[in-house]
N, C-alpha and C. Protein backbone atom coordinates (compact mmCIF):
# COMPACT_ATOMS: atom_id res chain seq x y z
N MET A 1 0.84 -1.18 0.00
CA MET A 1 0.00 0.00 0.00
C MET A 1 0.89 1.25 0.00
N PRO A 2 0.67 2.19 -0.90
CA PRO A 2 1.51 3.39 -0.94
C PRO A 2 1.31 4.28 0.29
N VAL A 3 2.37 5.02 0.59
CA VAL A 3 2.37 5.97 1.70
C VAL A 3 2.42 7.37 1.12
N GLN A 4 1.69 8.29 1.71
CA GLN A 4 1.64 9.68 1.24
C GLN A 4 2.19 10.60 2.31
N SER A 5 2.96 11.62 1.88
CA SER A 5 3.49 12.59 2.82
C SER A 5 2.37 13.47 3.36
N ALA A 6 2.58 13.96 4.55
CA ALA A 6 1.61 14.85 5.18
C ALA A 6 2.10 16.29 5.04
N HIS A 7 1.99 17.07 6.08
CA HIS A 7 2.42 18.47 6.06
C HIS A 7 3.94 18.56 6.14
N ASN A 8 4.48 19.74 5.86
CA ASN A 8 5.92 19.96 5.94
C ASN A 8 6.36 19.95 7.40
N GLU A 9 7.37 19.16 7.69
CA GLU A 9 7.92 19.10 9.04
C GLU A 9 9.01 20.15 9.22
N ILE A 10 9.57 20.63 8.12
CA ILE A 10 10.69 21.56 8.18
C ILE A 10 10.38 22.78 7.33
N SER A 11 11.09 23.88 7.59
CA SER A 11 10.96 25.05 6.73
C SER A 11 12.31 25.46 6.14
N TYR A 12 13.39 24.88 6.65
CA TYR A 12 14.75 25.12 6.15
C TYR A 12 15.48 23.80 6.01
N ALA A 13 16.48 23.76 5.15
CA ALA A 13 17.28 22.56 4.97
C ALA A 13 18.08 22.28 6.24
N PRO A 14 17.94 21.09 6.81
CA PRO A 14 18.71 20.75 8.01
C PRO A 14 20.22 20.71 7.71
N ALA A 15 21.01 21.02 8.70
CA ALA A 15 22.47 20.95 8.58
C ALA A 15 22.90 19.54 8.98
N VAL A 16 23.09 18.70 7.99
CA VAL A 16 23.43 17.30 8.24
C VAL A 16 24.59 16.87 7.35
N SER A 17 25.25 15.80 7.76
CA SER A 17 26.30 15.17 6.97
C SER A 17 26.05 13.68 6.92
N LEU A 18 26.27 13.09 5.76
CA LEU A 18 26.06 11.66 5.55
C LEU A 18 27.14 11.12 4.62
N PRO A 19 27.44 9.82 4.71
CA PRO A 19 28.38 9.23 3.76
C PRO A 19 27.73 9.03 2.39
N ASP A 20 28.55 9.16 1.35
CA ASP A 20 28.07 8.87 0.00
C ASP A 20 28.33 7.39 -0.32
N LEU A 21 28.11 6.99 -1.54
CA LEU A 21 28.25 5.58 -1.91
C LEU A 21 29.69 5.09 -1.87
N GLN A 22 30.65 6.02 -1.81
CA GLN A 22 32.05 5.64 -1.69
C GLN A 22 32.52 5.71 -0.23
N GLY A 23 31.62 6.06 0.68
CA GLY A 23 31.96 6.12 2.09
C GLY A 23 32.52 7.46 2.55
N VAL A 24 32.54 8.45 1.67
CA VAL A 24 33.06 9.78 2.01
C VAL A 24 31.92 10.61 2.62
N THR A 25 32.15 11.15 3.80
CA THR A 25 31.13 11.96 4.46
C THR A 25 30.96 13.28 3.72
N GLN A 26 29.72 13.59 3.40
CA GLN A 26 29.38 14.81 2.66
C GLN A 26 28.45 15.67 3.50
N SER A 27 28.69 16.96 3.51
CA SER A 27 27.83 17.91 4.20
C SER A 27 26.75 18.37 3.23
N LEU A 28 25.51 18.31 3.66
CA LEU A 28 24.41 18.77 2.82
C LEU A 28 24.60 20.23 2.43
N ALA A 29 25.04 21.06 3.38
CA ALA A 29 25.26 22.48 3.10
C ALA A 29 26.33 22.67 2.02
N GLN A 30 27.42 21.90 2.09
CA GLN A 30 28.46 22.02 1.06
C GLN A 30 27.98 21.53 -0.29
N LEU A 31 27.21 20.44 -0.30
CA LEU A 31 26.69 19.93 -1.57
C LEU A 31 25.70 20.90 -2.19
N ARG A 32 24.93 21.57 -1.34
CA ARG A 32 23.95 22.55 -1.84
C ARG A 32 24.69 23.78 -2.36
N ASP A 33 25.77 24.15 -1.74
CA ASP A 33 26.66 25.23 -2.20
C ASP A 33 25.92 26.53 -2.54
N GLY A 34 24.93 26.89 -1.75
CA GLY A 34 24.23 28.15 -1.96
C GLY A 34 23.38 28.20 -3.21
N ALA A 35 23.10 27.05 -3.79
CA ALA A 35 22.30 26.99 -5.02
C ALA A 35 20.88 26.52 -4.70
N ILE A 36 20.01 26.64 -5.66
CA ILE A 36 18.72 25.97 -5.56
C ILE A 36 19.04 24.48 -5.48
N SER A 37 18.33 23.77 -4.62
CA SER A 37 18.65 22.35 -4.49
C SER A 37 17.40 21.50 -4.41
N VAL A 38 17.57 20.29 -4.92
CA VAL A 38 16.56 19.26 -4.83
C VAL A 38 17.16 18.14 -4.00
N VAL A 39 16.56 17.87 -2.86
CA VAL A 39 16.96 16.75 -2.01
C VAL A 39 15.80 15.78 -2.02
N PHE A 40 16.08 14.53 -2.33
CA PHE A 40 14.96 13.58 -2.35
C PHE A 40 15.36 12.25 -1.74
N PHE A 41 14.38 11.66 -1.07
CA PHE A 41 14.56 10.35 -0.46
C PHE A 41 14.19 9.32 -1.50
N SER A 42 15.08 8.36 -1.66
CA SER A 42 14.98 7.40 -2.74
C SER A 42 15.41 6.02 -2.25
N CYS A 43 15.28 5.05 -3.11
CA CYS A 43 15.81 3.71 -2.87
C CYS A 43 15.81 2.98 -4.20
N ASN A 44 16.39 1.80 -4.21
CA ASN A 44 16.51 1.03 -5.45
C ASN A 44 15.29 0.15 -5.72
N HIS A 45 14.64 -0.36 -4.69
CA HIS A 45 13.64 -1.41 -4.90
C HIS A 45 12.22 -0.90 -5.14
N CYS A 46 11.91 0.35 -4.83
CA CYS A 46 10.53 0.83 -4.87
C CYS A 46 10.05 1.08 -6.31
N PRO A 47 8.91 0.51 -6.70
CA PRO A 47 8.40 0.74 -8.05
C PRO A 47 8.04 2.20 -8.32
N TYR A 48 7.70 2.97 -7.28
CA TYR A 48 7.40 4.39 -7.48
C TYR A 48 8.66 5.16 -7.86
N VAL A 49 9.79 4.78 -7.29
CA VAL A 49 11.07 5.41 -7.65
C VAL A 49 11.49 4.92 -9.04
N GLN A 50 11.42 3.63 -9.26
CA GLN A 50 11.83 3.07 -10.55
C GLN A 50 11.02 3.68 -11.69
N TRP A 51 9.77 3.99 -11.44
CA TRP A 51 8.88 4.58 -12.45
C TRP A 51 9.42 5.91 -12.96
N ILE A 52 10.02 6.72 -12.09
CA ILE A 52 10.45 8.07 -12.48
C ILE A 52 11.96 8.25 -12.58
N GLU A 53 12.75 7.25 -12.20
CA GLU A 53 14.19 7.46 -12.06
C GLU A 53 14.87 7.95 -13.33
N GLN A 54 14.46 7.47 -14.49
CA GLN A 54 15.07 7.93 -15.75
C GLN A 54 14.77 9.41 -15.98
N GLU A 55 13.54 9.82 -15.72
CA GLU A 55 13.17 11.22 -15.92
C GLU A 55 13.85 12.11 -14.88
N VAL A 56 14.05 11.62 -13.68
CA VAL A 56 14.81 12.38 -12.67
C VAL A 56 16.21 12.63 -13.21
N GLY A 57 16.84 11.61 -13.79
CA GLY A 57 18.17 11.79 -14.37
C GLY A 57 18.17 12.80 -15.51
N ARG A 58 17.17 12.74 -16.37
CA ARG A 58 17.10 13.72 -17.48
C ARG A 58 16.87 15.14 -16.96
N LEU A 59 15.98 15.28 -15.98
CA LEU A 59 15.69 16.61 -15.44
C LEU A 59 16.91 17.17 -14.71
N ALA A 60 17.62 16.33 -13.99
CA ALA A 60 18.84 16.79 -13.30
C ALA A 60 19.88 17.26 -14.31
N HIS A 61 19.97 16.57 -15.44
CA HIS A 61 20.90 16.99 -16.49
C HIS A 61 20.45 18.32 -17.10
N GLU A 62 19.15 18.43 -17.35
CA GLU A 62 18.60 19.66 -17.94
C GLU A 62 18.76 20.85 -16.98
N LEU A 63 18.50 20.63 -15.73
CA LEU A 63 18.60 21.69 -14.71
C LEU A 63 19.92 21.56 -13.98
N SER A 64 21.01 21.61 -14.72
CA SER A 64 22.34 21.32 -14.16
C SER A 64 22.85 22.39 -13.19
N SER A 65 22.23 23.57 -13.18
CA SER A 65 22.65 24.59 -12.21
C SER A 65 22.04 24.34 -10.82
N VAL A 66 21.12 23.39 -10.77
CA VAL A 66 20.48 23.01 -9.50
C VAL A 66 21.33 21.91 -8.86
N SER A 67 21.46 21.98 -7.55
CA SER A 67 22.18 20.94 -6.81
C SER A 67 21.20 19.81 -6.49
N TRP A 68 21.49 18.62 -6.97
CA TRP A 68 20.63 17.44 -6.77
C TRP A 68 21.31 16.50 -5.79
N ILE A 69 20.54 15.99 -4.82
CA ILE A 69 21.07 15.09 -3.81
C ILE A 69 20.01 14.03 -3.51
N ALA A 70 20.38 12.76 -3.65
CA ALA A 70 19.49 11.65 -3.29
C ALA A 70 19.95 11.08 -1.95
N ILE A 71 19.00 10.64 -1.14
CA ILE A 71 19.29 10.04 0.16
C ILE A 71 18.50 8.74 0.28
N CYS A 72 19.18 7.67 0.66
CA CYS A 72 18.50 6.41 0.94
C CYS A 72 18.55 6.18 2.44
N SER A 73 17.37 6.05 3.04
CA SER A 73 17.25 5.83 4.48
C SER A 73 16.71 4.45 4.82
N ASN A 74 16.53 3.60 3.84
CA ASN A 74 15.91 2.30 4.10
C ASN A 74 16.81 1.38 4.91
N ASP A 75 16.18 0.51 5.69
CA ASP A 75 16.84 -0.53 6.46
C ASP A 75 17.38 -1.58 5.48
N THR A 76 18.70 -1.62 5.34
CA THR A 76 19.29 -2.55 4.36
C THR A 76 19.43 -3.97 4.90
N ASN A 77 19.24 -4.16 6.20
CA ASN A 77 19.25 -5.54 6.72
C ASN A 77 18.04 -6.30 6.19
N ASN A 78 16.90 -5.65 6.14
CA ASN A 78 15.69 -6.29 5.64
C ASN A 78 15.44 -6.04 4.15
N TYR A 79 16.13 -5.04 3.59
CA TYR A 79 15.97 -4.69 2.16
C TYR A 79 17.37 -4.55 1.55
N PRO A 80 18.09 -5.68 1.40
CA PRO A 80 19.48 -5.62 0.91
C PRO A 80 19.62 -5.02 -0.49
N GLU A 81 18.55 -5.03 -1.29
CA GLU A 81 18.63 -4.43 -2.63
C GLU A 81 18.80 -2.91 -2.56
N ASP A 82 18.60 -2.34 -1.36
CA ASP A 82 18.83 -0.91 -1.15
C ASP A 82 20.19 -0.64 -0.52
N GLY A 83 21.04 -1.64 -0.50
CA GLY A 83 22.42 -1.48 -0.04
C GLY A 83 23.25 -0.76 -1.10
N ILE A 84 24.50 -0.56 -0.80
CA ILE A 84 25.38 0.22 -1.68
C ILE A 84 25.44 -0.35 -3.10
N ALA A 85 25.56 -1.67 -3.23
CA ALA A 85 25.64 -2.26 -4.58
C ALA A 85 24.38 -1.95 -5.39
N GLY A 86 23.22 -2.08 -4.77
CA GLY A 86 21.97 -1.78 -5.46
C GLY A 86 21.84 -0.32 -5.83
N LEU A 87 22.28 0.57 -4.93
CA LEU A 87 22.20 2.00 -5.20
C LEU A 87 23.18 2.41 -6.30
N LEU A 88 24.36 1.79 -6.32
CA LEU A 88 25.31 2.06 -7.40
C LEU A 88 24.72 1.63 -8.75
N ASP A 89 24.07 0.48 -8.76
CA ASP A 89 23.42 0.00 -9.98
C ASP A 89 22.32 0.97 -10.42
N GLN A 90 21.51 1.40 -9.46
CA GLN A 90 20.43 2.34 -9.77
C GLN A 90 20.99 3.64 -10.32
N ARG A 91 22.01 4.16 -9.66
CA ARG A 91 22.62 5.43 -10.09
C ARG A 91 23.11 5.33 -11.53
N HIS A 92 23.73 4.21 -11.87
CA HIS A 92 24.21 3.99 -13.23
C HIS A 92 23.03 3.84 -14.20
N ARG A 93 22.08 3.01 -13.84
CA ARG A 93 20.90 2.73 -14.68
C ARG A 93 20.11 4.02 -14.98
N ALA A 94 19.96 4.87 -13.97
CA ALA A 94 19.15 6.09 -14.11
C ALA A 94 19.98 7.29 -14.59
N GLN A 95 21.28 7.09 -14.74
CA GLN A 95 22.19 8.16 -15.16
C GLN A 95 22.14 9.36 -14.20
N TRP A 96 22.22 9.04 -12.91
CA TRP A 96 22.25 10.08 -11.88
C TRP A 96 23.71 10.47 -11.65
N ASN A 97 24.02 11.69 -12.01
CA ASN A 97 25.38 12.20 -11.85
C ASN A 97 25.47 13.14 -10.67
N PHE A 98 24.76 12.82 -9.62
CA PHE A 98 24.73 13.65 -8.42
C PHE A 98 24.94 12.75 -7.21
N PRO A 99 25.26 13.34 -6.07
CA PRO A 99 25.53 12.53 -4.87
C PRO A 99 24.32 11.71 -4.42
N TYR A 100 24.61 10.50 -4.01
CA TYR A 100 23.62 9.60 -3.41
C TYR A 100 24.15 9.28 -2.02
N LEU A 101 23.44 9.71 -1.01
CA LEU A 101 23.91 9.59 0.37
C LEU A 101 23.17 8.48 1.11
N ILE A 102 23.84 7.92 2.11
CA ILE A 102 23.31 6.81 2.89
C ILE A 102 22.98 7.29 4.30
N ASP A 103 21.73 7.15 4.68
CA ASP A 103 21.23 7.54 6.01
C ASP A 103 20.97 6.27 6.81
N SER A 104 22.03 5.56 7.16
CA SER A 104 21.86 4.23 7.76
C SER A 104 21.19 4.27 9.13
N ASP A 105 21.38 5.34 9.90
CA ASP A 105 20.70 5.40 11.20
C ASP A 105 19.33 6.06 11.12
N GLN A 106 18.96 6.50 9.93
CA GLN A 106 17.64 7.06 9.61
C GLN A 106 17.33 8.38 10.33
N ASN A 107 18.33 8.98 10.95
CA ASN A 107 18.12 10.26 11.65
C ASN A 107 17.77 11.39 10.70
N VAL A 108 18.38 11.41 9.52
CA VAL A 108 18.12 12.49 8.56
C VAL A 108 16.69 12.39 8.02
N ALA A 109 16.24 11.18 7.75
CA ALA A 109 14.84 11.02 7.31
C ALA A 109 13.89 11.56 8.37
N HIS A 110 14.19 11.28 9.63
CA HIS A 110 13.35 11.80 10.72
C HIS A 110 13.43 13.33 10.79
N GLN A 111 14.63 13.90 10.61
CA GLN A 111 14.76 15.37 10.64
C GLN A 111 13.96 16.03 9.54
N PHE A 112 13.95 15.43 8.37
CA PHE A 112 13.19 15.96 7.24
C PHE A 112 11.69 15.68 7.36
N GLY A 113 11.35 14.67 8.14
CA GLY A 113 9.96 14.23 8.19
C GLY A 113 9.60 13.38 6.97
N ALA A 114 10.61 12.81 6.32
CA ALA A 114 10.38 11.98 5.14
C ALA A 114 9.65 10.71 5.55
N VAL A 115 8.72 10.28 4.71
CA VAL A 115 7.93 9.09 5.02
C VAL A 115 7.93 8.06 3.90
N CYS A 116 8.28 8.49 2.69
CA CYS A 116 8.18 7.56 1.57
C CYS A 116 9.27 7.84 0.55
N THR A 117 9.37 6.90 -0.40
CA THR A 117 10.26 7.08 -1.54
C THR A 117 9.41 6.95 -2.80
N PRO A 118 9.52 7.96 -3.66
CA PRO A 118 10.31 9.19 -3.54
C PRO A 118 9.58 10.26 -2.72
N ASP A 119 10.37 11.09 -2.07
CA ASP A 119 9.85 12.23 -1.30
C ASP A 119 10.79 13.40 -1.62
N PHE A 120 10.30 14.39 -2.36
CA PHE A 120 11.13 15.48 -2.88
C PHE A 120 11.01 16.75 -2.04
N PHE A 121 12.15 17.43 -1.86
CA PHE A 121 12.24 18.71 -1.16
C PHE A 121 13.03 19.66 -2.05
N VAL A 122 12.47 20.83 -2.35
CA VAL A 122 13.17 21.84 -3.14
C VAL A 122 13.46 23.02 -2.22
N PHE A 123 14.74 23.42 -2.18
CA PHE A 123 15.17 24.52 -1.33
C PHE A 123 15.70 25.68 -2.16
N ALA A 124 15.38 26.90 -1.73
CA ALA A 124 15.94 28.11 -2.34
C ALA A 124 17.41 28.21 -1.93
N PRO A 125 18.17 29.10 -2.59
CA PRO A 125 19.58 29.26 -2.22
C PRO A 125 19.80 29.60 -0.74
N ASP A 126 18.85 30.26 -0.10
CA ASP A 126 19.00 30.59 1.32
C ASP A 126 18.53 29.46 2.24
N SER A 127 18.29 28.29 1.70
CA SER A 127 17.89 27.08 2.43
C SER A 127 16.41 27.03 2.80
N THR A 128 15.62 28.01 2.36
CA THR A 128 14.19 28.00 2.64
C THR A 128 13.50 26.91 1.82
N LEU A 129 12.63 26.16 2.46
CA LEU A 129 11.88 25.13 1.75
C LEU A 129 10.87 25.79 0.82
N ILE A 130 10.95 25.44 -0.46
CA ILE A 130 10.03 25.96 -1.48
C ILE A 130 8.91 24.95 -1.74
N TYR A 131 9.27 23.68 -1.72
CA TYR A 131 8.30 22.63 -2.07
C TYR A 131 8.70 21.33 -1.41
N ARG A 132 7.70 20.61 -0.97
CA ARG A 132 7.87 19.22 -0.51
C ARG A 132 6.72 18.44 -1.13
N GLY A 133 7.04 17.44 -1.93
CA GLY A 133 5.97 16.67 -2.53
C GLY A 133 6.41 15.74 -3.63
N ALA A 134 5.49 15.47 -4.53
CA ALA A 134 5.67 14.52 -5.62
C ALA A 134 6.46 15.12 -6.77
N PHE A 135 7.06 14.25 -7.57
CA PHE A 135 7.79 14.65 -8.77
C PHE A 135 6.82 15.20 -9.81
N ASP A 136 5.72 14.50 -10.00
CA ASP A 136 4.69 14.91 -10.96
C ASP A 136 3.42 14.12 -10.66
N SER A 137 2.47 14.16 -11.56
CA SER A 137 1.19 13.50 -11.32
C SER A 137 1.16 12.05 -11.81
N SER A 138 2.24 11.56 -12.39
CA SER A 138 2.25 10.19 -12.89
C SER A 138 2.40 9.18 -11.75
N ARG A 139 1.95 7.97 -12.00
CA ARG A 139 2.04 6.86 -11.05
C ARG A 139 2.44 5.61 -11.82
N PRO A 140 3.07 4.65 -11.16
CA PRO A 140 3.46 3.43 -11.87
C PRO A 140 2.30 2.80 -12.64
N ASN A 141 2.62 2.42 -13.85
CA ASN A 141 1.67 1.72 -14.74
C ASN A 141 0.42 2.53 -15.07
N SER A 142 0.53 3.84 -14.99
CA SER A 142 -0.59 4.68 -15.39
C SER A 142 -0.36 5.17 -16.81
N ASP A 143 -1.36 5.80 -17.37
CA ASP A 143 -1.24 6.36 -18.71
C ASP A 143 -0.69 7.78 -18.69
N THR A 144 -0.47 8.32 -17.49
CA THR A 144 0.03 9.69 -17.36
C THR A 144 1.52 9.72 -17.70
N VAL A 145 1.90 10.62 -18.58
CA VAL A 145 3.29 10.75 -19.01
C VAL A 145 4.11 11.32 -17.85
N ILE A 146 5.31 10.78 -17.67
CA ILE A 146 6.23 11.27 -16.64
C ILE A 146 6.87 12.55 -17.14
N THR A 147 6.62 13.66 -16.45
CA THR A 147 7.13 14.96 -16.91
C THR A 147 7.96 15.71 -15.87
N GLY A 148 7.76 15.40 -14.60
CA GLY A 148 8.43 16.16 -13.56
C GLY A 148 7.84 17.55 -13.38
N GLU A 149 6.57 17.74 -13.79
CA GLU A 149 6.00 19.09 -13.82
C GLU A 149 5.99 19.77 -12.46
N TYR A 150 5.72 19.05 -11.38
CA TYR A 150 5.68 19.70 -10.07
C TYR A 150 7.08 20.15 -9.66
N LEU A 151 8.04 19.28 -9.85
CA LEU A 151 9.41 19.62 -9.45
C LEU A 151 9.97 20.75 -10.30
N ARG A 152 9.72 20.68 -11.59
CA ARG A 152 10.19 21.73 -12.50
C ARG A 152 9.59 23.09 -12.11
N ALA A 153 8.31 23.12 -11.82
CA ALA A 153 7.64 24.38 -11.44
C ALA A 153 8.18 24.90 -10.11
N ALA A 154 8.45 24.01 -9.17
CA ALA A 154 9.00 24.44 -7.88
C ALA A 154 10.39 25.03 -8.04
N VAL A 155 11.21 24.43 -8.90
CA VAL A 155 12.55 24.96 -9.16
C VAL A 155 12.46 26.33 -9.84
N GLU A 156 11.53 26.48 -10.78
CA GLU A 156 11.34 27.78 -11.43
C GLU A 156 10.92 28.84 -10.42
N CYS A 157 10.05 28.50 -9.50
CA CYS A 157 9.65 29.46 -8.46
C CYS A 157 10.83 29.81 -7.58
N ALA A 158 11.65 28.85 -7.23
CA ALA A 158 12.84 29.12 -6.43
C ALA A 158 13.77 30.08 -7.16
N ALA A 159 13.90 29.90 -8.48
CA ALA A 159 14.77 30.78 -9.27
C ALA A 159 14.21 32.19 -9.35
N GLN A 160 12.88 32.32 -9.33
CA GLN A 160 12.24 33.64 -9.41
C GLN A 160 12.02 34.27 -8.05
N GLY A 161 12.31 33.51 -6.99
CA GLY A 161 12.08 34.02 -5.63
C GLY A 161 10.62 34.11 -5.26
N THR A 162 9.79 33.25 -5.87
CA THR A 162 8.36 33.27 -5.57
C THR A 162 7.96 31.98 -4.86
N THR A 163 6.78 31.99 -4.30
CA THR A 163 6.25 30.84 -3.59
C THR A 163 5.61 29.87 -4.57
N PHE A 164 5.80 28.60 -4.33
CA PHE A 164 5.17 27.56 -5.14
C PHE A 164 4.01 26.99 -4.34
N THR A 165 2.82 27.06 -4.90
CA THR A 165 1.64 26.58 -4.19
C THR A 165 1.00 25.37 -4.86
N GLY A 166 1.58 24.90 -5.93
CA GLY A 166 1.02 23.76 -6.64
C GLY A 166 1.59 22.44 -6.14
N GLY A 167 1.52 21.46 -6.99
CA GLY A 167 2.06 20.16 -6.66
C GLY A 167 1.09 19.26 -5.93
N ALA A 168 1.63 18.21 -5.37
CA ALA A 168 0.83 17.22 -4.65
C ALA A 168 1.73 16.55 -3.61
N PRO A 169 1.14 15.96 -2.59
CA PRO A 169 1.96 15.24 -1.61
C PRO A 169 2.75 14.12 -2.27
N SER A 170 3.90 13.80 -1.68
CA SER A 170 4.67 12.65 -2.16
C SER A 170 3.84 11.39 -1.97
N LEU A 171 4.02 10.46 -2.88
CA LEU A 171 3.32 9.18 -2.80
C LEU A 171 4.29 8.11 -3.26
N GLY A 172 4.45 7.08 -2.44
CA GLY A 172 5.36 6.02 -2.82
C GLY A 172 5.42 4.93 -1.78
N CYS A 173 6.52 4.19 -1.80
CA CYS A 173 6.75 3.13 -0.83
C CYS A 173 7.17 3.77 0.49
N GLY A 174 6.63 3.29 1.58
CA GLY A 174 7.04 3.79 2.88
C GLY A 174 8.52 3.55 3.12
N ILE A 175 9.19 4.48 3.77
CA ILE A 175 10.58 4.25 4.16
C ILE A 175 10.61 3.01 5.03
N LYS A 176 11.56 2.15 4.79
CA LYS A 176 11.68 0.89 5.52
C LYS A 176 12.48 1.14 6.80
N TRP A 177 11.76 1.40 7.87
CA TRP A 177 12.37 1.76 9.15
C TRP A 177 13.00 0.54 9.82
N SER A 178 14.11 0.76 10.47
CA SER A 178 14.75 -0.30 11.25
C SER A 178 13.89 -0.64 12.45
N GLU A 179 13.97 -1.86 12.88
CA GLU A 179 13.15 -2.28 14.03
C GLU A 179 13.84 -1.97 15.35
């Protein structure tokens, strides 16, 4: 059963550091580097992520001035396909040329209030949250074309310094919490 995000738990990007797929600790603030940023919770096994992952890669390439950061917070003991090997495969398959961070203790997911994958957060250069929600209106195995319209519009609002009021709550697989 899919999980949907509720209200925004945060209004600014948290100051956190996590290891990337090579084990190097990365600071979210340094990766964002004062730019508009898209931070999203992801994983390898979820069909909702797999449905959009190619378009996420294309949009990240198109919007290359935006800082893109993926975070996997899933419990890899019970979901080994979301371990480093699976995430490296996904990153290659989806052509993601941006950092993929590992939140093994799940503290960052809790700080963000993330509940599902995918769960997108768009931040302005000053770290203000512009949007939290879905990539677009498409769903796995639907007839709706994957466009990234919500995320694209939120990034455009961030670039113009305006508020984004559109979009929809994130919908996907629940984050696989450790027991």
